[in-house]
């Protein structure tokens, strides 16, 4: 709710608290990454997505978000791996066309 209200710093703090209470809370790690990326804290966002993927390698959204964040950090070559992983998991998903577009560049 805090994120949707635009209170991103507070949302990030709540997600941090959530993962402190339950380090295996995959969705919280992914959402923490999303908030950190929005706050222009790309390297920290990458770490959050990597933690989500360490816990659940089949979590397609984290693959997508990691790829997108790496591209925004100017690390397009590294992002390719994650776009490909996303497409293996979600070949027909809502964001598959965008992932294919990113790989074509």
PDB file of N, CA and C in Angstrom:
ATOM      1  N   UNK A   1       0.823  -1.184   0.000  1.00  0.00           N
ATOM      2  CA  UNK A   1       0.000   0.000   0.000  1.00  0.00           C
ATOM      3  C   UNK A   1       0.877   1.261   0.000  1.00  0.00           C
ATOM      4  N   UNK A   2       1.940   1.243   0.785  1.00  0.00           N
ATOM      5  CA  UNK A   2       2.831   2.402   0.829  1.00  0.00           C
ATOM      6  C   UNK A   2       3.417   2.683  -0.553  1.00  0.00           C
ATOM      7  N   UNK A   3       3.802   1.642  -1.242  1.00  0.00           N
ATOM      8  CA  UNK A   3       4.355   1.804  -2.589  1.00  0.00           C
ATOM      9  C   UNK A   3       3.336   2.459  -3.513  1.00  0.00           C
ATOM     10  N   UNK A   4       2.117   1.968  -3.481  1.00  0.00           N
ATOM     11  CA  UNK A   4       1.064   2.516  -4.336  1.00  0.00           C
ATOM     12  C   UNK A   4       0.739   3.960  -4.004  1.00  0.00           C
ATOM     13  N   UNK A   5       0.949   4.346  -2.761  1.00  0.00           N
ATOM     14  CA  UNK A   5       0.710   5.726  -2.341  1.00  0.00           C
ATOM     15  C   UNK A   5       1.894   6.642  -2.670  1.00  0.00           C
ATOM     16  N   UNK A   6       2.941   6.067  -3.252  1.00  0.00           N
ATOM     17  CA  UNK A   6       4.115   6.854  -3.612  1.00  0.00           C
ATOM     18  C   UNK A   6       5.080   7.064  -2.463  1.00  0.00           C
ATOM     19  N   UNK A   7       4.887   6.372  -1.392  1.00  0.00           N
ATOM     20  CA  UNK A   7       5.749   6.496  -0.217  1.00  0.00           C
ATOM     21  C   UNK A   7       6.798   5.385  -0.279  1.00  0.00           C
ATOM     22  N   UNK A   8       7.674   5.529  -1.259  1.00  0.00           N
ATOM     23  CA  UNK A   8       8.609   4.461  -1.603  1.00  0.00           C
ATOM     24  C   UNK A   8       9.669   4.206  -0.540  1.00  0.00           C
ATOM     25  N   UNK A   9      10.162   5.246   0.080  1.00  0.00           N
ATOM     26  CA  UNK A   9      11.158   5.051   1.151  1.00  0.00           C
ATOM     27  C   UNK A   9      10.561   4.225   2.283  1.00  0.00           C
ATOM     28  N   UNK A  10       9.328   4.535   2.642  1.00  0.00           N
ATOM     29  CA  UNK A  10       8.661   3.792   3.706  1.00  0.00           C
ATOM     30  C   UNK A  10       8.368   2.357   3.261  1.00  0.00           C
ATOM     31  N   UNK A  11       7.986   2.206   2.007  1.00  0.00           N
ATOM     32  CA  UNK A  11       7.740   0.860   1.482  1.00  0.00           C
ATOM     33  C   UNK A  11       9.017   0.033   1.543  1.00  0.00           C
ATOM     34  N   UNK A  12      10.141   0.630   1.148  1.00  0.00           N
ATOM     35  CA  UNK A  12      11.418  -0.083   1.194  1.00  0.00           C
ATOM     36  C   UNK A  12      11.729  -0.529   2.622  1.00  0.00           C
ATOM     37  N   UNK A  13      11.479   0.340   3.573  1.00  0.00           N
ATOM     38  CA  UNK A  13      11.750  -0.006   4.971  1.00  0.00           C
ATOM     39  C   UNK A  13      10.873  -1.173   5.425  1.00  0.00           C
ATOM     40  N   UNK A  14       9.625  -1.180   5.022  1.00  0.00           N
ATOM     41  CA  UNK A  14       8.728  -2.284   5.398  1.00  0.00           C
ATOM     42  C   UNK A  14       9.165  -3.602   4.755  1.00  0.00           C
ATOM     43  N   UNK A  15       9.589  -3.534   3.490  1.00  0.00           N
ATOM     44  CA  UNK A  15      10.080  -4.755   2.851  1.00  0.00           C
ATOM     45  C   UNK A  15      11.348  -5.250   3.530  1.00  0.00           C
ATOM     46  N   UNK A  16      12.209  -4.330   3.940  1.00  0.00           N
ATOM     47  CA  UNK A  16      13.414  -4.743   4.678  1.00  0.00           C
ATOM     48  C   UNK A  16      13.030  -5.441   5.983  1.00  0.00           C
ATOM     49  N   UNK A  17      12.042  -4.875   6.667  1.00  0.00           N
ATOM     50  CA  UNK A  17      11.573  -5.505   7.903  1.00  0.00           C
ATOM     51  C   UNK A  17      11.000  -6.889   7.620  1.00  0.00           C
ATOM     52  N   UNK A  18      10.259  -7.009   6.535  1.00  0.00           N
ATOM     53  CA  UNK A  18       9.658  -8.296   6.188  1.00  0.00           C
ATOM     54  C   UNK A  18      10.719  -9.364   5.964  1.00  0.00           C
ATOM     55  N   UNK A  19      11.789  -9.013   5.246  1.00  0.00           N
ATOM     56  CA  UNK A  19      12.821 -10.024   4.981  1.00  0.00           C
ATOM     57  C   UNK A  19      13.694 -10.278   6.209  1.00  0.00           C
ATOM     58  N   UNK A  20      13.751  -9.321   7.114  1.00  0.00           N
ATOM     59  CA  UNK A  20      14.449  -9.573   8.377  1.00  0.00           C
ATOM     60  C   UNK A  20      13.668 -10.584   9.212  1.00  0.00           C
ATOM     61  N   UNK A  21      12.345 -10.479   9.184  1.00  0.00           N
ATOM     62  CA  UNK A  21      11.500 -11.404   9.933  1.00  0.00           C
ATOM     63  C   UNK A  21      11.434 -12.778   9.274  1.00  0.00           C
ATOM     64  N   UNK A  22      11.459 -12.781   7.952  1.00  0.00           N
ATOM     65  CA  UNK A  22      11.379 -14.037   7.201  1.00  0.00           C
ATOM     66  C   UNK A  22      12.305 -13.923   5.996  1.00  0.00           C
ATOM     67  N   UNK A  23      13.532 -14.367   6.171  1.00  0.00           N
ATOM     68  CA  UNK A  23      14.541 -14.239   5.120  1.00  0.00           C
ATOM     69  C   UNK A  23      14.175 -15.011   3.855  1.00  0.00           C
ATOM     70  N   UNK A  24      13.223 -15.930   3.944  1.00  0.00           N
ATOM     71  CA  UNK A  24      12.807 -16.735   2.789  1.00  0.00           C
ATOM     72  C   UNK A  24      11.562 -16.169   2.109  1.00  0.00           C
ATOM     73  N   UNK A  25      11.182 -14.954   2.419  1.00  0.00           N
ATOM     74  CA  UNK A  25       9.992 -14.311   1.856  1.00  0.00           C
ATOM     75  C   UNK A  25      10.354 -13.777   0.465  1.00  0.00           C
ATOM     76  N   UNK A  26      10.229 -14.640  -0.518  1.00  0.00           N
ATOM     77  CA  UNK A  26      10.686 -14.363  -1.881  1.00  0.00           C
ATOM     78  C   UNK A  26      10.023 -13.117  -2.468  1.00  0.00           C
ATOM     79  N   UNK A  27       8.720 -13.002  -2.323  1.00  0.00           N
ATOM     80  CA  UNK A  27       8.008 -11.865  -2.895  1.00  0.00           C
ATOM     81  C   UNK A  27       8.471 -10.547  -2.276  1.00  0.00           C
ATOM     82  N   UNK A  28       8.788 -10.573  -1.002  1.00  0.00           N
ATOM     83  CA  UNK A  28       9.280  -9.354  -0.350  1.00  0.00           C
ATOM     84  C   UNK A  28      10.640  -8.958  -0.905  1.00  0.00           C
ATOM     85  N   UNK A  29      11.512  -9.938  -1.164  1.00  0.00           N
ATOM     86  CA  UNK A  29      12.810  -9.626  -1.773  1.00  0.00           C
ATOM     87  C   UNK A  29      12.613  -8.998  -3.151  1.00  0.00           C
ATOM     88  N   UNK A  30      11.712  -9.580  -3.942  1.00  0.00           N
ATOM     89  CA  UNK A  30      11.446  -9.041  -5.275  1.00  0.00           C
ATOM     90  C   UNK A  30      10.868  -7.629  -5.187  1.00  0.00           C
ATOM     91  N   UNK A  31       9.908  -7.435  -4.315  1.00  0.00           N
ATOM     92  CA  UNK A  31       9.295  -6.117  -4.173  1.00  0.00           C
ATOM     93  C   UNK A  31      10.265  -5.093  -3.607  1.00  0.00           C
ATOM     94  N   UNK A  32      11.148  -5.535  -2.722  1.00  0.00           N
ATOM     95  CA  UNK A  32      12.200  -4.640  -2.237  1.00  0.00           C
ATOM     96  C   UNK A  32      13.064  -4.202  -3.409  1.00  0.00           C
ATOM     97  N   UNK A  33      13.414  -5.135  -4.277  1.00  0.00           N
ATOM     98  CA  UNK A  33      14.180  -4.784  -5.475  1.00  0.00           C
ATOM     99  C   UNK A  33      13.454  -3.762  -6.324  1.00  0.00           C
ATOM    100  N   UNK A  34      12.146  -3.937  -6.502  1.00  0.00           N
ATOM    101  CA  UNK A  34      11.367  -2.986  -7.303  1.00  0.00           C
ATOM    102  C   UNK A  34      11.414  -1.581  -6.708  1.00  0.00           C
ATOM    103  N   UNK A  35      11.227  -1.497  -5.413  1.00  0.00           N
ATOM    104  CA  UNK A  35      11.244  -0.186  -4.756  1.00  0.00           C
ATOM    105  C   UNK A  35      12.630   0.439  -4.858  1.00  0.00           C
ATOM    106  N   UNK A  36      13.659  -0.344  -4.605  1.00  0.00           N
ATOM    107  CA  UNK A  36      15.022   0.188  -4.673  1.00  0.00           C
ATOM    108  C   UNK A  36      15.359   0.645  -6.088  1.00  0.00           C
ATOM    109  N   UNK A  37      14.909  -0.097  -7.091  1.00  0.00           N
ATOM    110  CA  UNK A  37      15.137   0.331  -8.480  1.00  0.00           C
ATOM    111  C   UNK A  37      14.437   1.662  -8.738  1.00  0.00           C
ATOM    112  N   UNK A  38      13.227   1.806  -8.258  1.00  0.00           N
ATOM    113  CA  UNK A  38      12.496   3.062  -8.424  1.00  0.00           C
ATOM    114  C   UNK A  38      13.173   4.222  -7.700  1.00  0.00           C
ATOM    115  N   UNK A  39      13.878   3.902  -6.628  1.00  0.00           N
ATOM    116  CA  UNK A  39      14.583   4.932  -5.855  1.00  0.00           C
ATOM    117  C   UNK A  39      15.999   5.172  -6.387  1.00  0.00           C
ATOM    118  N   UNK A  40      16.287   4.656  -7.581  1.00  0.00           N
ATOM    119  CA  UNK A  40      17.609   4.804  -8.209  1.00  0.00           C
ATOM    120  C   UNK A  40      18.732   4.199  -7.374  1.00  0.00           C
ATOM    121  N   UNK A  41      18.417   3.091  -6.733  1.00  0.00           N
ATOM    122  CA  UNK A  41      19.402   2.329  -5.969  1.00  0.00           C
ATOM    123  C   UNK A  41      19.602   0.985  -6.665  1.00  0.00           C
ATOM    124  N   UNK A  42      20.002   1.074  -7.937  1.00  0.00           N
ATOM    125  CA  UNK A  42      20.120  -0.102  -8.787  1.00  0.00           C
ATOM    126  C   UNK A  42      20.965  -1.226  -8.234  1.00  0.00           C
ATOM    127  N   UNK A  43      22.189  -0.947  -7.757  1.00  0.00           N
ATOM    128  CA  UNK A  43      23.008  -2.048  -7.231  1.00  0.00           C
ATOM    129  C   UNK A  43      22.342  -2.780  -6.063  1.00  0.00           C
ATOM    130  N   UNK A  44      21.672  -2.049  -5.193  1.00  0.00           N
ATOM    131  CA  UNK A  44      20.958  -2.690  -4.079  1.00  0.00           C
ATOM    132  C   UNK A  44      19.763  -3.477  -4.601  1.00  0.00           C
ATOM    133  N   UNK A  45      19.102  -2.966  -5.624  1.00  0.00           N
ATOM    134  CA  UNK A  45      17.976  -3.680  -6.235  1.00  0.00           C
ATOM    135  C   UNK A  45      18.452  -5.002  -6.825  1.00  0.00           C
ATOM    136  N   UNK A  46      19.592  -4.978  -7.508  1.00  0.00           N
ATOM    137  CA  UNK A  46      20.150  -6.196  -8.091  1.00  0.00           C
ATOM    138  C   UNK A  46      20.370  -7.240  -6.999  1.00  0.00           C
ATOM    139  N   UNK A  47      20.908  -6.836  -5.881  1.00  0.00           N
ATOM    140  CA  UNK A  47      21.151  -7.778  -4.782  1.00  0.00           C
ATOM    141  C   UNK A  47      19.839  -8.365  -4.255  1.00  0.00           C
ATOM    142  N   UNK A  48      18.814  -7.536  -4.162  1.00  0.00           N
ATOM    143  CA  UNK A  48      17.518  -8.028  -3.681  1.00  0.00           C
ATOM    144  C   UNK A  48      16.936  -9.057  -4.650  1.00  0.00           C
ATOM    145  N   UNK A  49      17.007  -8.771  -5.952  1.00  0.00           N
ATOM    146  CA  UNK A  49      16.515  -9.741  -6.939  1.00  0.00           C
ATOM    147  C   UNK A  49      17.331 -11.030  -6.903  1.00  0.00           C
ATOM    148  N   UNK A  50      18.627 -10.899  -6.745  1.00  0.00           N
ATOM    149  CA  UNK A  50      19.474 -12.086  -6.670  1.00  0.00           C
ATOM    150  C   UNK A  50      19.118 -12.933  -5.456  1.00  0.00           C
ATOM    151  N   UNK A  51      18.776 -12.286  -4.360  1.00  0.00           N
ATOM    152  CA  UNK A  51      18.362 -13.038  -3.170  1.00  0.00           C
ATOM    153  C   UNK A  51      17.041 -13.758  -3.441  1.00  0.00           C
ATOM    154  N   UNK A  52      16.110 -13.087  -4.103  1.00  0.00           N
ATOM    155  CA  UNK A  52      14.840 -13.730  -4.455  1.00  0.00           C
ATOM    156  C   UNK A  52      15.097 -14.965  -5.322  1.00  0.00           C
ATOM    157  N   UNK A  53      15.993 -14.831  -6.282  1.00  0.00           N
ATOM    158  CA  UNK A  53      16.285 -15.945  -7.189  1.00  0.00           C
ATOM    159  C   UNK A  53      17.074 -17.058  -6.518  1.00  0.00           C
ATOM    160  N   UNK A  54      17.883 -16.713  -5.538  1.00  0.00           N
ATOM    161  CA  UNK A  54      18.589 -17.751  -4.781  1.00  0.00           C
ATOM    162  C   UNK A  54      17.589 -18.609  -4.007  1.00  0.00           C
ATOM    163  N   UNK A  55      16.524 -17.975  -3.561  1.00  0.00           N
ATOM    164  CA  UNK A  55      15.492 -18.693  -2.809  1.00  0.00           C
ATOM    165  C   UNK A  55      14.539 -19.459  -3.723  1.00  0.00           C
ATOM    166  N   UNK A  56      14.265 -18.874  -4.881  1.00  0.00           N
ATOM    167  CA  UNK A  56      13.293 -19.483  -5.803  1.00  0.00           C
ATOM    168  C   UNK A  56      13.733 -19.222  -7.240  1.00  0.00           C
ATOM    169  N   UNK A  57      14.589 -20.081  -7.789  1.00  0.00           N
ATOM    170  CA  UNK A  57      15.118 -19.870  -9.139  1.00  0.00           C
ATOM    171  C   UNK A  57      14.060 -19.839 -10.241  1.00  0.00           C
ATOM    172  N   UNK A  58      12.860 -20.315  -9.963  1.00  0.00           N
ATOM    173  CA  UNK A  58      11.795 -20.349 -10.964  1.00  0.00           C
ATOM    174  C   UNK A  58      10.871 -19.131 -10.883  1.00  0.00           C
ATOM    175  N   UNK A  59      11.230 -18.139 -10.117  1.00  0.00           N
ATOM    176  CA  UNK A  59      10.382 -16.952  -9.938  1.00  0.00           C
ATOM    177  C   UNK A  59      10.604 -16.005 -11.123  1.00  0.00           C
ATOM    178  N   UNK A  60       9.735 -16.120 -12.103  1.00  0.00           N
ATOM    179  CA  UNK A  60       9.895 -15.412 -13.378  1.00  0.00           C
ATOM    180  C   UNK A  60       9.977 -13.900 -13.205  1.00  0.00           C
ATOM    181  N   UNK A  61       9.156 -13.332 -12.346  1.00  0.00           N
ATOM    182  CA  UNK A  61       9.152 -11.875 -12.177  1.00  0.00           C
ATOM    183  C   UNK A  61      10.520 -11.356 -11.740  1.00  0.00           C
ATOM    184  N   UNK A  62      11.194 -12.101 -10.887  1.00  0.00           N
ATOM    185  CA  UNK A  62      12.516 -11.660 -10.432  1.00  0.00           C
ATOM    186  C   UNK A  62      13.532 -11.705 -11.569  1.00  0.00           C
ATOM    187  N   UNK A  63      13.423 -12.687 -12.454  1.00  0.00           N
ATOM    188  CA  UNK A  63      14.299 -12.737 -13.639  1.00  0.00           C
ATOM    189  C   UNK A  63      14.075 -11.482 -14.496  1.00  0.00           C
ATOM    190  N   UNK A  64      12.814 -11.184 -14.741  1.00  0.00           N
ATOM    191  CA  UNK A  64      12.460 -10.022 -15.553  1.00  0.00           C
ATOM    192  C   UNK A  64      12.981  -8.738 -14.905  1.00  0.00           C
ATOM    193  N   UNK A  65      12.697  -8.567 -13.629  1.00  0.00           N
ATOM    194  CA  UNK A  65      13.086  -7.338 -12.933  1.00  0.00           C
ATOM    195  C   UNK A  65      14.601  -7.185 -12.849  1.00  0.00           C
ATOM    196  N   UNK A  66      15.289  -8.288 -12.650  1.00  0.00           N
ATOM    197  CA  UNK A  66      16.754  -8.234 -12.616  1.00  0.00           C
ATOM    198  C   UNK A  66      17.299  -7.818 -13.979  1.00  0.00           C
ATOM    199  N   UNK A  67      16.775  -8.411 -15.042  1.00  0.00           N
ATOM    200  CA  UNK A  67      17.223  -8.046 -16.391  1.00  0.00           C
ATOM    201  C   UNK A  67      16.979  -6.568 -16.666  1.00  0.00           C
ATOM    202  N   UNK A  68      15.801  -6.100 -16.335  1.00  0.00           N
ATOM    203  CA  UNK A  68      15.448  -4.698 -16.585  1.00  0.00           C
ATOM    204  C   UNK A  68      16.357  -3.752 -15.807  1.00  0.00           C
ATOM    205  N   UNK A  69      16.621  -4.086 -14.567  1.00  0.00           N
ATOM    206  CA  UNK A  69      17.481  -3.233 -13.734  1.00  0.00           C
ATOM    207  C   UNK A  69      18.913  -3.243 -14.239  1.00  0.00           C
ATOM    208  N   UNK A  70      19.416  -4.405 -14.622  1.00  0.00           N
ATOM    209  CA  UNK A  70      20.774  -4.473 -15.166  1.00  0.00           C
ATOM    210  C   UNK A  70      20.896  -3.618 -16.422  1.00  0.00           C
ATOM    211  N   UNK A  71      19.883  -3.664 -17.274  1.00  0.00           N
ATOM    212  CA  UNK A  71      19.927  -2.812 -18.475  1.00  0.00           C
ATOM    213  C   UNK A  71      19.974  -1.343 -18.108  1.00  0.00           C
ATOM    214  N   UNK A  72      19.159  -0.949 -17.141  1.00  0.00           N
ATOM    215  CA  UNK A  72      19.152   0.467 -16.728  1.00  0.00           C
ATOM    216  C   UNK A  72      20.482   0.887 -16.117  1.00  0.00           C
ATOM    217  N   UNK A  73      21.230  -0.087 -15.611  1.00  0.00           N
ATOM    218  CA  UNK A  73      22.557   0.197 -15.057  1.00  0.00           C
ATOM    219  C   UNK A  73      23.640   0.163 -16.130  1.00  0.00           C
ATOM    220  N   UNK A  74      23.242  -0.034 -17.383  1.00  0.00           N
ATOM    221  CA  UNK A  74      24.211  -0.085 -18.468  1.00  0.00           C
ATOM    222  C   UNK A  74      24.898  -1.425 -18.598  1.00  0.00           C
ATOM    223  N   UNK A  75      24.302  -2.463 -18.057  1.00  0.00           N
ATOM    224  CA  UNK A  75      24.887  -3.797 -18.066  1.00  0.00           C
ATOM    225  C   UNK A  75      24.045  -4.729 -18.949  1.00  0.00           C
ATOM    226  N   UNK A  76      23.815  -4.295 -20.182  1.00  0.00           N
ATOM    227  CA  UNK A  76      22.927  -5.011 -21.097  1.00  0.00           C
ATOM    228  C   UNK A  76      23.394  -6.430 -21.379  1.00  0.00           C
ATOM    229  N   UNK A  77      24.677  -6.622 -21.476  1.00  0.00           N
ATOM    230  CA  UNK A  77      25.174  -7.971 -21.774  1.00  0.00           C
ATOM    231  C   UNK A  77      24.848  -8.929 -20.636  1.00  0.00           C
ATOM    232  N   UNK A  78      24.975  -8.481 -19.406  1.00  0.00           N
ATOM    233  CA  UNK A  78      24.599  -9.313 -18.262  1.00  0.00           C
ATOM    234  C   UNK A  78      23.089  -9.544 -18.234  1.00  0.00           C
ATOM    235  N   UNK A  79      22.337  -8.549 -18.654  1.00  0.00           N
ATOM    236  CA  UNK A  79      20.882  -8.654 -18.638  1.00  0.00           C
ATOM    237  C   UNK A  79      20.372  -9.744 -19.565  1.00  0.00           C
ATOM    238  N   UNK A  80      21.095 -10.002 -20.654  1.00  0.00           N
ATOM    239  CA  UNK A  80      20.664 -11.013 -21.632  1.00  0.00           C
ATOM    240  C   UNK A  80      20.349 -12.357 -20.971  1.00  0.00           C
ATOM    241  N   UNK A  81      21.212 -12.770 -20.079  1.00  0.00           N
ATOM    242  CA  UNK A  81      21.009 -14.061 -19.393  1.00  0.00           C
ATOM    243  C   UNK A  81      19.657 -14.099 -18.695  1.00  0.00           C
ATOM    244  N   UNK A  82      19.287 -13.005 -18.058  1.00  0.00           N
ATOM    245  CA  UNK A  82      18.059 -12.960 -17.270  1.00  0.00           C
ATOM    246  C   UNK A  82      16.825 -12.809 -18.158  1.00  0.00           C
ATOM    247  N   UNK A  83      16.967 -12.081 -19.288  1.00  0.00           N
ATOM    248  CA  UNK A  83      15.855 -12.034 -20.253  1.00  0.00           C
ATOM    249  C   UNK A  83      15.587 -13.443 -20.774  1.00  0.00           C
ATOM    250  N   UNK A  84      16.652 -14.174 -21.108  1.00  0.00           N
ATOM    251  CA  UNK A  84      16.503 -15.537 -21.616  1.00  0.00           C
ATOM    252  C   UNK A  84      15.875 -16.445 -20.561  1.00  0.00           C
ATOM    253  N   UNK A  85      16.301 -16.305 -19.339  1.00  0.00           N
ATOM    254  CA  UNK A  85      15.727 -17.110 -18.253  1.00  0.00           C
ATOM    255  C   UNK A  85      14.249 -16.796 -18.074  1.00  0.00           C
ATOM    256  N   UNK A  86      13.922 -15.518 -18.133  1.00  0.00           N
ATOM    257  CA  UNK A  86      12.515 -15.131 -18.017  1.00  0.00           C
ATOM    258  C   UNK A  86      11.685 -15.796 -19.107  1.00  0.00           C
ATOM    259  N   UNK A  87      12.183 -15.757 -20.342  1.00  0.00           N
ATOM    260  CA  UNK A  87      11.431 -16.329 -21.460  1.00  0.00           C
ATOM    261  C   UNK A  87      11.298 -17.846 -21.359  1.00  0.00           C
ATOM    262  N   UNK A  88      12.280 -18.513 -20.777  1.00  0.00           N
ATOM    263  CA  UNK A  88      12.155 -19.957 -20.550  1.00  0.00           C
ATOM    264  C   UNK A  88      11.014 -20.246 -19.576  1.00  0.00           C
ATOM    265  N   UNK A  89      10.857 -19.368 -18.593  1.00  0.00           N
ATOM    266  CA  UNK A  89       9.830 -19.568 -17.569  1.00  0.00           C
ATOM    267  C   UNK A  89       8.458 -19.048 -18.001  1.00  0.00           C
ATOM    268  N   UNK A  90       8.440 -17.972 -18.777  1.00  0.00           N
ATOM    269  CA  UNK A  90       7.190 -17.325 -19.187  1.00  0.00           C
ATOM    270  C   UNK A  90       7.212 -17.039 -20.689  1.00  0.00           C
ATOM    271  N   UNK A  91       7.221 -18.052 -21.527  1.00  0.00           N
ATOM    272  CA  UNK A  91       7.323 -17.811 -22.969  1.00  0.00           C
ATOM    273  C   UNK A  91       6.117 -17.094 -23.571  1.00  0.00           C
ATOM    274  N   UNK A  92       4.986 -17.170 -22.918  1.00  0.00           N
ATOM    275  CA  UNK A  92       3.778 -16.532 -23.425  1.00  0.00           C
ATOM    276  C   UNK A  92       3.223 -15.494 -22.462  1.00  0.00           C
ATOM    277  N   UNK A  93       3.977 -15.146 -21.457  1.00  0.00           N
ATOM    278  CA  UNK A  93       3.499 -14.207 -20.449  1.00  0.00           C
ATOM    279  C   UNK A  93       3.293 -12.807 -21.004  1.00  0.00           C
ATOM    280  N   UNK A  94       2.701 -11.995 -20.192  1.00  0.00           N
ATOM    281  CA  UNK A  94       2.357 -10.630 -20.587  1.00  0.00           C
ATOM    282  C   UNK A  94       3.574  -9.809 -21.013  1.00  0.00           C
ATOM    283  N   UNK A  95       4.718 -10.109 -20.439  1.00  0.00           N
ATOM    284  CA  UNK A  95       5.911  -9.317 -20.721  1.00  0.00           C
ATOM    285  C   UNK A  95       6.888 -10.026 -21.651  1.00  0.00           C
ATOM    286  N   UNK A  96       6.496 -11.170 -22.195  1.00  0.00           N
ATOM    287  CA  UNK A  96       7.393 -11.947 -23.055  1.00  0.00           C
ATOM    288  C   UNK A  96       7.788 -11.173 -24.316  1.00  0.00           C
ATOM    289  N   UNK A  97       6.858 -10.456 -24.911  1.00  0.00           N
ATOM    290  CA  UNK A  97       7.175  -9.700 -26.128  1.00  0.00           C
ATOM    291  C   UNK A  97       8.235  -8.636 -25.835  1.00  0.00           C
ATOM    292  N   UNK A  98       8.114  -7.980 -24.701  1.00  0.00           N
ATOM    293  CA  UNK A  98       9.107  -6.964 -24.337  1.00  0.00           C
ATOM    294  C   UNK A  98      10.477  -7.610 -24.112  1.00  0.00           C
ATOM    295  N   UNK A  99      10.499  -8.747 -23.438  1.00  0.00           N
ATOM    296  CA  UNK A  99      11.770  -9.444 -23.206  1.00  0.00           C
ATOM    297  C   UNK A  99      12.409  -9.835 -24.537  1.00  0.00           C
ATOM    298  N   UNK A 100      11.615 -10.319 -25.473  1.00  0.00           N
ATOM    299  CA  UNK A 100      12.154 -10.669 -26.801  1.00  0.00           C
ATOM    300  C   UNK A 100      12.706  -9.429 -27.504  1.00  0.00           C
ATOM    301  N   UNK A 101      12.007  -8.336 -27.363  1.00  0.00           N
ATOM    302  CA  UNK A 101      12.466  -7.074 -27.961  1.00  0.00           C
ATOM    303  C   UNK A 101      13.825  -6.663 -27.386  1.00  0.00           C
ATOM    304  N   UNK A 102      13.979  -6.805 -26.087  1.00  0.00           N
ATOM    305  CA  UNK A 102      15.241  -6.441 -25.439  1.00  0.00           C
ATOM    306  C   UNK A 102      16.364  -7.363 -25.938  1.00  0.00           C
ATOM    307  N   UNK A 103      16.070  -8.635 -26.108  1.00  0.00           N
ATOM    308  CA  UNK A 103      17.091  -9.570 -26.596  1.00  0.00           C
ATOM    309  C   UNK A 103      17.471  -9.285 -28.051  1.00  0.00           C
ATOM    310  N   UNK A 104      16.565  -8.749 -28.825  1.00  0.00           N
ATOM    311  CA  UNK A 104      16.830  -8.470 -30.234  1.00  0.00           C
ATOM    312  C   UNK A 104      17.769  -7.276 -30.414  1.00  0.00           C
ATOM    313  N   UNK A 105      17.916  -6.463 -29.405  1.00  0.00           N
ATOM    314  CA  UNK A 105      18.779  -5.284 -29.525  1.00  0.00           C
ATOM    315  C   UNK A 105      20.233  -5.634 -29.371  1.00  0.00           C
TER     316      UNK A 105
END
